[in-house]
Amino acid sequence: MTDSPHLSEVVTLYDSNIRDPVATLRAIADEIETGKYGEIGCIALCLIGDTMEVFAAGPDSEGPSAALLLHAGFMRLSGYIEQHGK
């Protein structure tokens, strides 16, 4: 038994539900506004719904920069899958 008066503690494991894209995007936008990621030159977003759409925004958001970001995201995701399975 510990000396703590609390038998259990509830903690937040994540700030938003990744299965809710709208809430997740709002949380990311809030983090950008607070400066969490520093100065943003380019963002890229790929959506798959009835069609696939690719968006880029920012002062440096020309096609090659957006393609580089999307490819880097692909590499990070595929590396994680390779290391951790499924």
PDB file of N, CA and C in Angstrom:
ATOM      1  N   MET A   1       0.833  -1.177   0.000  1.00  0.00           N
ATOM      2  CA  MET A   1       0.000   0.000   0.000  1.00  0.00           C
ATOM      3  C   MET A   1       0.879   1.242   0.000  1.00  0.00           C
ATOM      4  N   THR A   2       0.504   2.218  -0.806  1.00  0.00           N
ATOM      5  CA  THR A   2       1.276   3.454  -0.859  1.00  0.00           C
ATOM      6  C   THR A   2       0.687   4.469   0.106  1.00  0.00           C
ATOM      7  N   ASP A   3       1.443   5.536   0.336  1.00  0.00           N
ATOM      8  CA  ASP A   3       0.971   6.605   1.210  1.00  0.00           C
ATOM      9  C   ASP A   3       0.045   7.565   0.494  1.00  0.00           C
ATOM     10  N   SER A   4      -0.141   7.385  -0.812  1.00  0.00           N
ATOM     11  CA  SER A   4      -0.978   8.266  -1.604  1.00  0.00           C
ATOM     12  C   SER A   4      -2.442   8.079  -1.241  1.00  0.00           C
ATOM     13  N   PRO A   5      -3.186   9.201  -1.085  1.00  0.00           N
ATOM     14  CA  PRO A   5      -4.613   9.085  -0.775  1.00  0.00           C
ATOM     15  C   PRO A   5      -5.443   8.643  -1.978  1.00  0.00           C
ATOM     16  N   HIS A   6      -4.847   8.639  -3.173  1.00  0.00           N
ATOM     17  CA  HIS A   6      -5.575   8.264  -4.392  1.00  0.00           C
ATOM     18  C   HIS A   6      -5.301   6.802  -4.722  1.00  0.00           C
ATOM     19  N   LEU A   7      -6.345   6.045  -4.942  1.00  0.00           N
ATOM     20  CA  LEU A   7      -6.178   4.652  -5.326  1.00  0.00           C
ATOM     21  C   LEU A   7      -5.976   4.491  -6.825  1.00  0.00           C
ATOM     22  N   SER A   8      -6.504   5.437  -7.599  1.00  0.00           N
ATOM     23  CA  SER A   8      -6.323   5.394  -9.044  1.00  0.00           C
ATOM     24  C   SER A   8      -6.293   6.814  -9.576  1.00  0.00           C
ATOM     25  N   GLU A   9      -5.792   6.951 -10.775  1.00  0.00           N
ATOM     26  CA  GLU A   9      -5.698   8.255 -11.401  1.00  0.00           C
ATOM     27  C   GLU A   9      -6.098   8.123 -12.861  1.00  0.00           C
ATOM     28  N   VAL A  10      -6.897   9.047 -13.337  1.00  0.00           N
ATOM     29  CA  VAL A  10      -7.303   9.070 -14.740  1.00  0.00           C
ATOM     30  C   VAL A  10      -6.401  10.048 -15.462  1.00  0.00           C
ATOM     31  N   VAL A  11      -5.797   9.600 -16.561  1.00  0.00           N
ATOM     32  CA  VAL A  11      -4.935  10.467 -17.346  1.00  0.00           C
ATOM     33  C   VAL A  11      -5.397  10.443 -18.799  1.00  0.00           C
ATOM     34  N   THR A  12      -5.138  11.530 -19.511  1.00  0.00           N
ATOM     35  CA  THR A  12      -5.456  11.604 -20.931  1.00  0.00           C
ATOM     36  C   THR A  12      -4.345  10.932 -21.708  1.00  0.00           C
ATOM     37  N   LEU A  13      -4.675   9.976 -22.542  1.00  0.00           N
ATOM     38  CA  LEU A  13      -3.678   9.274 -23.334  1.00  0.00           C
ATOM     39  C   LEU A  13      -3.409   9.962 -24.658  1.00  0.00           C
ATOM     40  N   TYR A  14      -4.371  10.759 -25.162  1.00  0.00           N
ATOM     41  CA  TYR A  14      -4.195  11.472 -26.410  1.00  0.00           C
ATOM     42  C   TYR A  14      -5.124  12.674 -26.400  1.00  0.00           C
ATOM     43  N   ASP A  15      -4.789  13.671 -27.198  1.00  0.00           N
ATOM     44  CA  ASP A  15      -5.562  14.910 -27.226  1.00  0.00           C
ATOM     45  C   ASP A  15      -6.787  14.844 -28.119  1.00  0.00           C
ATOM     46  N   SER A  16      -6.748  14.001 -29.135  1.00  0.00           N
ATOM     47  CA  SER A  16      -7.897  13.893 -30.025  1.00  0.00           C
ATOM     48  C   SER A  16      -8.019  12.461 -30.516  1.00  0.00           C
ATOM     49  N   ASN A  17      -9.185  12.136 -31.002  1.00  0.00           N
ATOM     50  CA  ASN A  17      -9.464  10.792 -31.496  1.00  0.00           C
ATOM     51  C   ASN A  17      -9.063  10.732 -32.969  1.00  0.00           C
ATOM     52  N   ILE A  18      -8.043   9.935 -33.292  1.00  0.00           N
ATOM     53  CA  ILE A  18      -7.575   9.884 -34.675  1.00  0.00           C
ATOM     54  C   ILE A  18      -8.617   9.299 -35.618  1.00  0.00           C
ATOM     55  N   ARG A  19      -9.653   8.684 -35.075  1.00  0.00           N
ATOM     56  CA  ARG A  19     -10.735   8.179 -35.923  1.00  0.00           C
ATOM     57  C   ARG A  19     -11.743   9.274 -36.258  1.00  0.00           C
ATOM     58  N   ASP A  20     -11.547  10.471 -35.715  1.00  0.00           N
ATOM     59  CA  ASP A  20     -12.382  11.633 -36.019  1.00  0.00           C
ATOM     60  C   ASP A  20     -11.512  12.652 -36.754  1.00  0.00           C
ATOM     61  N   PRO A  21     -11.467  12.581 -38.101  1.00  0.00           N
ATOM     62  CA  PRO A  21     -10.547  13.438 -38.842  1.00  0.00           C
ATOM     63  C   PRO A  21     -10.782  14.928 -38.622  1.00  0.00           C
ATOM     64  N   VAL A  22     -12.022  15.352 -38.471  1.00  0.00           N
ATOM     65  CA  VAL A  22     -12.303  16.772 -38.284  1.00  0.00           C
ATOM     66  C   VAL A  22     -11.694  17.264 -36.973  1.00  0.00           C
ATOM     67  N   ALA A  23     -11.928  16.537 -35.891  1.00  0.00           N
ATOM     68  CA  ALA A  23     -11.374  16.934 -34.596  1.00  0.00           C
ATOM     69  C   ALA A  23      -9.848  16.880 -34.616  1.00  0.00           C
ATOM     70  N   THR A  24      -9.294  15.878 -35.279  1.00  0.00           N
ATOM     71  CA  THR A  24      -7.841  15.755 -35.357  1.00  0.00           C
ATOM     72  C   THR A  24      -7.238  16.921 -36.122  1.00  0.00           C
ATOM     73  N   LEU A  25      -7.838  17.295 -37.250  1.00  0.00           N
ATOM     74  CA  LEU A  25      -7.333  18.427 -38.018  1.00  0.00           C
ATOM     75  C   LEU A  25      -7.448  19.728 -37.236  1.00  0.00           C
ATOM     76  N   ARG A  26      -8.525  19.895 -36.480  1.00  0.00           N
ATOM     77  CA  ARG A  26      -8.663  21.093 -35.644  1.00  0.00           C
ATOM     78  C   ARG A  26      -7.579  21.130 -34.565  1.00  0.00           C
ATOM     79  N   ALA A  27      -7.288  19.981 -33.967  1.00  0.00           N
ATOM     80  CA  ALA A  27      -6.243  19.911 -32.944  1.00  0.00           C
ATOM     81  C   ALA A  27      -4.886  20.251 -33.545  1.00  0.00           C
ATOM     82  N   ILE A  28      -4.609  19.746 -34.750  1.00  0.00           N
ATOM     83  CA  ILE A  28      -3.343  20.063 -35.415  1.00  0.00           C
ATOM     84  C   ILE A  28      -3.274  21.554 -35.735  1.00  0.00           C
ATOM     85  N   ALA A  29      -4.380  22.134 -36.208  1.00  0.00           N
ATOM     86  CA  ALA A  29      -4.408  23.569 -36.499  1.00  0.00           C
ATOM     87  C   ALA A  29      -4.142  24.378 -35.231  1.00  0.00           C
ATOM     88  N   ASP A  30      -4.722  23.977 -34.114  1.00  0.00           N
ATOM     89  CA  ASP A  30      -4.471  24.662 -32.841  1.00  0.00           C
ATOM     90  C   ASP A  30      -2.996  24.586 -32.461  1.00  0.00           C
ATOM     91  N   GLU A  31      -2.376  23.422 -32.668  1.00  0.00           N
ATOM     92  CA  GLU A  31      -0.957  23.257 -32.358  1.00  0.00           C
ATOM     93  C   GLU A  31      -0.087  24.114 -33.273  1.00  0.00           C
ATOM     94  N   ILE A  32      -0.472  24.255 -34.536  1.00  0.00           N
ATOM     95  CA  ILE A  32       0.260  25.125 -35.453  1.00  0.00           C
ATOM     96  C   ILE A  32       0.171  26.565 -34.970  1.00  0.00           C
ATOM     97  N   GLU A  33      -1.035  26.987 -34.570  1.00  0.00           N
ATOM     98  CA  GLU A  33      -1.228  28.363 -34.093  1.00  0.00           C
ATOM     99  C   GLU A  33      -0.408  28.665 -32.840  1.00  0.00           C
ATOM    100  N   THR A  34      -0.228  27.674 -31.981  1.00  0.00           N
ATOM    101  CA  THR A  34       0.559  27.909 -30.765  1.00  0.00           C
ATOM    102  C   THR A  34       2.058  27.873 -31.027  1.00  0.00           C
ATOM    103  N   GLY A  35       2.463  27.506 -32.242  1.00  0.00           N
ATOM    104  CA  GLY A  35       3.877  27.468 -32.584  1.00  0.00           C
ATOM    105  C   GLY A  35       4.571  26.162 -32.266  1.00  0.00           C
ATOM    106  N   LYS A  36       3.821  25.116 -31.991  1.00  0.00           N
ATOM    107  CA  LYS A  36       4.405  23.830 -31.621  1.00  0.00           C
ATOM    108  C   LYS A  36       5.374  23.311 -32.682  1.00  0.00           C
ATOM    109  N   TYR A  37       5.112  23.577 -33.956  1.00  0.00           N
ATOM    110  CA  TYR A  37       5.920  23.050 -35.046  1.00  0.00           C
ATOM    111  C   TYR A  37       6.857  24.092 -35.649  1.00  0.00           C
ATOM    112  N   GLY A  38       6.973  25.248 -35.016  1.00  0.00           N
ATOM    113  CA  GLY A  38       7.806  26.307 -35.574  1.00  0.00           C
ATOM    114  C   GLY A  38       7.133  26.970 -36.759  1.00  0.00           C
ATOM    115  N   GLU A  39       7.935  27.619 -37.580  1.00  0.00           N
ATOM    116  CA  GLU A  39       7.384  28.301 -38.747  1.00  0.00           C
ATOM    117  C   GLU A  39       7.039  27.275 -39.823  1.00  0.00           C
ATOM    118  N   ILE A  40       5.805  27.297 -40.301  1.00  0.00           N
ATOM    119  CA  ILE A  40       5.326  26.337 -41.289  1.00  0.00           C
ATOM    120  C   ILE A  40       5.498  26.927 -42.684  1.00  0.00           C
ATOM    121  N   GLY A  41       6.254  26.234 -43.532  1.00  0.00           N
ATOM    122  CA  GLY A  41       6.422  26.675 -44.907  1.00  0.00           C
ATOM    123  C   GLY A  41       5.480  25.968 -45.860  1.00  0.00           C
ATOM    124  N   CYS A  42       5.120  24.730 -45.530  1.00  0.00           N
ATOM    125  CA  CYS A  42       4.280  23.953 -46.425  1.00  0.00           C
ATOM    126  C   CYS A  42       3.587  22.862 -45.623  1.00  0.00           C
ATOM    127  N   ILE A  43       2.347  22.613 -45.954  1.00  0.00           N
ATOM    128  CA  ILE A  43       1.630  21.448 -45.441  1.00  0.00           C
ATOM    129  C   ILE A  43       1.051  20.701 -46.632  1.00  0.00           C
ATOM    130  N   ALA A  44       0.910  19.397 -46.498  1.00  0.00           N
ATOM    131  CA  ALA A  44       0.298  18.589 -47.549  1.00  0.00           C
ATOM    132  C   ALA A  44      -0.700  17.656 -46.886  1.00  0.00           C
ATOM    133  N   LEU A  45      -1.818  17.474 -47.524  1.00  0.00           N
ATOM    134  CA  LEU A  45      -2.884  16.646 -46.979  1.00  0.00           C
ATOM    135  C   LEU A  45      -3.467  15.811 -48.100  1.00  0.00           C
ATOM    136  N   CYS A  46      -3.632  14.555 -47.833  1.00  0.00           N
ATOM    137  CA  CYS A  46      -4.230  13.642 -48.807  1.00  0.00           C
ATOM    138  C   CYS A  46      -5.501  13.077 -48.186  1.00  0.00           C
ATOM    139  N   LEU A  47      -6.633  13.242 -48.855  1.00  0.00           N
ATOM    140  CA  LEU A  47      -7.915  12.741 -48.376  1.00  0.00           C
ATOM    141  C   LEU A  47      -8.431  11.676 -49.320  1.00  0.00           C
ATOM    142  N   ILE A  48      -8.965  10.630 -48.757  1.00  0.00           N
ATOM    143  CA  ILE A  48      -9.619   9.616 -49.576  1.00  0.00           C
ATOM    144  C   ILE A  48     -11.065   9.507 -49.094  1.00  0.00           C
ATOM    145  N   GLY A  49     -11.974   9.880 -49.939  1.00  0.00           N
ATOM    146  CA  GLY A  49     -13.399   9.761 -49.678  1.00  0.00           C
ATOM    147  C   GLY A  49     -14.011   9.107 -50.902  1.00  0.00           C
ATOM    148  N   ASP A  50     -14.996   9.771 -51.507  1.00  0.00           N
ATOM    149  CA  ASP A  50     -15.532   9.281 -52.773  1.00  0.00           C
ATOM    150  C   ASP A  50     -14.478   9.403 -53.872  1.00  0.00           C
ATOM    151  N   THR A  51     -13.594  10.381 -53.731  1.00  0.00           N
ATOM    152  CA  THR A  51     -12.457  10.565 -54.635  1.00  0.00           C
ATOM    153  C   THR A  51     -11.230  10.837 -53.776  1.00  0.00           C
ATOM    154  N   MET A  52     -10.072  10.793 -54.390  1.00  0.00           N
ATOM    155  CA  MET A  52      -8.845  11.135 -53.673  1.00  0.00           C
ATOM    156  C   MET A  52      -8.497  12.571 -54.009  1.00  0.00           C
ATOM    157  N   GLU A  53      -8.235  13.369 -52.972  1.00  0.00           N
ATOM    158  CA  GLU A  53      -7.873  14.771 -53.152  1.00  0.00           C
ATOM    159  C   GLU A  53      -6.558  15.025 -52.434  1.00  0.00           C
ATOM    160  N   VAL A  54      -5.705  15.837 -53.024  1.00  0.00           N
ATOM    161  CA  VAL A  54      -4.435  16.216 -52.417  1.00  0.00           C
ATOM    162  C   VAL A  54      -4.403  17.737 -52.330  1.00  0.00           C
ATOM    163  N   PHE A  55      -4.089  18.244 -51.146  1.00  0.00           N
ATOM    164  CA  PHE A  55      -4.048  19.680 -50.912  1.00  0.00           C
ATOM    165  C   PHE A  55      -2.671  20.073 -50.402  1.00  0.00           C
ATOM    166  N   ALA A  56      -2.257  21.270 -50.750  1.00  0.00           N
ATOM    167  CA  ALA A  56      -1.030  21.836 -50.213  1.00  0.00           C
ATOM    168  C   ALA A  56      -1.315  23.287 -49.852  1.00  0.00           C
ATOM    169  N   ALA A  57      -0.690  23.775 -48.790  1.00  0.00           N
ATOM    170  CA  ALA A  57      -0.893  25.150 -48.366  1.00  0.00           C
ATOM    171  C   ALA A  57       0.385  25.658 -47.728  1.00  0.00           C
ATOM    172  N   GLY A  58       0.543  26.954 -47.742  1.00  0.00           N
ATOM    173  CA  GLY A  58       1.712  27.583 -47.145  1.00  0.00           C
ATOM    174  C   GLY A  58       2.499  28.343 -48.193  1.00  0.00           C
ATOM    175  N   PRO A  59       3.407  29.201 -47.738  1.00  0.00           N
ATOM    176  CA  PRO A  59       4.172  30.016 -48.682  1.00  0.00           C
ATOM    177  C   PRO A  59       5.083  29.203 -49.604  1.00  0.00           C
ATOM    178  N   ASP A  60       5.485  28.024 -49.179  1.00  0.00           N
ATOM    179  CA  ASP A  60       6.369  27.171 -49.992  1.00  0.00           C
ATOM    180  C   ASP A  60       5.639  25.919 -50.455  1.00  0.00           C
ATOM    181  N   SER A  61       4.381  26.067 -50.866  1.00  0.00           N
ATOM    182  CA  SER A  61       3.552  24.891 -51.135  1.00  0.00           C
ATOM    183  C   SER A  61       3.467  24.525 -52.606  1.00  0.00           C
ATOM    184  N   GLU A  62       4.517  24.763 -53.362  1.00  0.00           N
ATOM    185  CA  GLU A  62       4.493  24.345 -54.758  1.00  0.00           C
ATOM    186  C   GLU A  62       4.489  22.818 -54.834  1.00  0.00           C
ATOM    187  N   GLY A  63       4.192  22.288 -55.987  1.00  0.00           N
ATOM    188  CA  GLY A  63       4.041  20.845 -56.175  1.00  0.00           C
ATOM    189  C   GLY A  63       5.174  19.997 -55.635  1.00  0.00           C
ATOM    190  N   PRO A  64       6.438  20.316 -55.953  1.00  0.00           N
ATOM    191  CA  PRO A  64       7.525  19.467 -55.460  1.00  0.00           C
ATOM    192  C   PRO A  64       7.618  19.410 -53.935  1.00  0.00           C
ATOM    193  N   SER A  65       7.348  20.524 -53.264  1.00  0.00           N
ATOM    194  CA  SER A  65       7.393  20.517 -51.794  1.00  0.00           C
ATOM    195  C   SER A  65       6.289  19.642 -51.215  1.00  0.00           C
ATOM    196  N   ALA A  66       5.083  19.745 -51.780  1.00  0.00           N
ATOM    197  CA  ALA A  66       3.975  18.911 -51.314  1.00  0.00           C
ATOM    198  C   ALA A  66       4.274  17.441 -51.581  1.00  0.00           C
ATOM    199  N   ALA A  67       4.833  17.136 -52.751  1.00  0.00           N
ATOM    200  CA  ALA A  67       5.177  15.749 -53.080  1.00  0.00           C
ATOM    201  C   ALA A  67       6.234  15.213 -52.111  1.00  0.00           C
ATOM    202  N   LEU A  68       7.220  16.041 -51.769  1.00  0.00           N
ATOM    203  CA  LEU A  68       8.250  15.631 -50.820  1.00  0.00           C
ATOM    204  C   LEU A  68       7.637  15.312 -49.453  1.00  0.00           C
ATOM    205  N   LEU A  69       6.733  16.168 -48.984  1.00  0.00           N
ATOM    206  CA  LEU A  69       6.085  15.922 -47.693  1.00  0.00           C
ATOM    207  C   LEU A  69       5.258  14.642 -47.712  1.00  0.00           C
ATOM    208  N   LEU A  70       4.486  14.443 -48.776  1.00  0.00           N
ATOM    209  CA  LEU A  70       3.669  13.238 -48.863  1.00  0.00           C
ATOM    210  C   LEU A  70       4.544  11.987 -48.928  1.00  0.00           C
ATOM    211  N   HIS A  71       5.647  12.057 -49.659  1.00  0.00           N
ATOM    212  CA  HIS A  71       6.548  10.907 -49.740  1.00  0.00           C
ATOM    213  C   HIS A  71       7.219  10.648 -48.385  1.00  0.00           C
ATOM    214  N   ALA A  72       7.624  11.715 -47.697  1.00  0.00           N
ATOM    215  CA  ALA A  72       8.226  11.551 -46.368  1.00  0.00           C
ATOM    216  C   ALA A  72       7.225  10.919 -45.408  1.00  0.00           C
ATOM    217  N   GLY A  73       5.963  11.324 -45.496  1.00  0.00           N
ATOM    218  CA  GLY A  73       4.929  10.704 -44.675  1.00  0.00           C
ATOM    219  C   GLY A  73       4.757   9.237 -44.997  1.00  0.00           C
ATOM    220  N   PHE A  74       4.797   8.916 -46.277  1.00  0.00           N
ATOM    221  CA  PHE A  74       4.715   7.519 -46.702  1.00  0.00           C
ATOM    222  C   PHE A  74       5.875   6.709 -46.118  1.00  0.00           C
ATOM    223  N   MET A  75       7.081   7.263 -46.193  1.00  0.00           N
ATOM    224  CA  MET A  75       8.258   6.562 -45.679  1.00  0.00           C
ATOM    225  C   MET A  75       8.163   6.347 -44.169  1.00  0.00           C
ATOM    226  N   ARG A  76       7.692   7.353 -43.456  1.00  0.00           N
ATOM    227  CA  ARG A  76       7.551   7.221 -42.002  1.00  0.00           C
ATOM    228  C   ARG A  76       6.516   6.150 -41.655  1.00  0.00           C
ATOM    229  N   LEU A  77       5.381   6.177 -42.349  1.00  0.00           N
ATOM    230  CA  LEU A  77       4.322   5.202 -42.090  1.00  0.00           C
ATOM    231  C   LEU A  77       4.769   3.793 -42.457  1.00  0.00           C
ATOM    232  N   SER A  78       5.385   3.632 -43.626  1.00  0.00           N
ATOM    233  CA  SER A  78       5.806   2.292 -44.031  1.00  0.00           C
ATOM    234  C   SER A  78       6.926   1.780 -43.138  1.00  0.00           C
ATOM    235  N   GLY A  79       7.816   2.659 -42.665  1.00  0.00           N
ATOM    236  CA  GLY A  79       8.864   2.246 -41.734  1.00  0.00           C
ATOM    237  C   GLY A  79       8.284   1.754 -40.414  1.00  0.00           C
ATOM    238  N   TYR A  80       7.269   2.452 -39.922  1.00  0.00           N
ATOM    239  CA  TYR A  80       6.615   2.039 -38.679  1.00  0.00           C
ATOM    240  C   TYR A  80       5.964   0.668 -38.858  1.00  0.00           C
ATOM    241  N   ILE A  81       5.273   0.489 -39.981  1.00  0.00           N
ATOM    242  CA  ILE A  81       4.618  -0.808 -40.244  1.00  0.00           C
ATOM    243  C   ILE A  81       5.657  -1.918 -40.354  1.00  0.00           C
ATOM    244  N   GLU A  82       6.762  -1.626 -41.026  1.00  0.00           N
ATOM    245  CA  GLU A  82       7.819  -2.621 -41.179  1.00  0.00           C
ATOM    246  C   GLU A  82       8.409  -3.022 -39.828  1.00  0.00           C
ATOM    247  N   GLN A  83       8.582  -2.081 -38.937  1.00  0.00           N
ATOM    248  CA  GLN A  83       9.189  -2.340 -37.632  1.00  0.00           C
ATOM    249  C   GLN A  83       8.216  -2.993 -36.652  1.00  0.00           C
ATOM    250  N   HIS A  84       6.947  -2.641 -36.756  1.00  0.00           N
ATOM    251  CA  HIS A  84       5.982  -3.077 -35.747  1.00  0.00           C
ATOM    252  C   HIS A  84       4.907  -4.014 -36.272  1.00  0.00           C
ATOM    253  N   GLY A  85       4.961  -4.406 -37.523  1.00  0.00           N
ATOM    254  CA  GLY A  85       3.931  -5.266 -38.086  1.00  0.00           C
ATOM    255  C   GLY A  85       2.671  -4.505 -38.401  1.00  0.00           C
ATOM    256  N   LYS A  86       1.665  -5.213 -38.835  1.00  0.00           N
ATOM    257  CA  LYS A  86       0.357  -4.662 -39.200  1.00  0.00           C
ATOM    258  C   LYS A  86       0.377  -3.165 -39.258  1.00  0.00           C
TER     259      LYS A  86
END
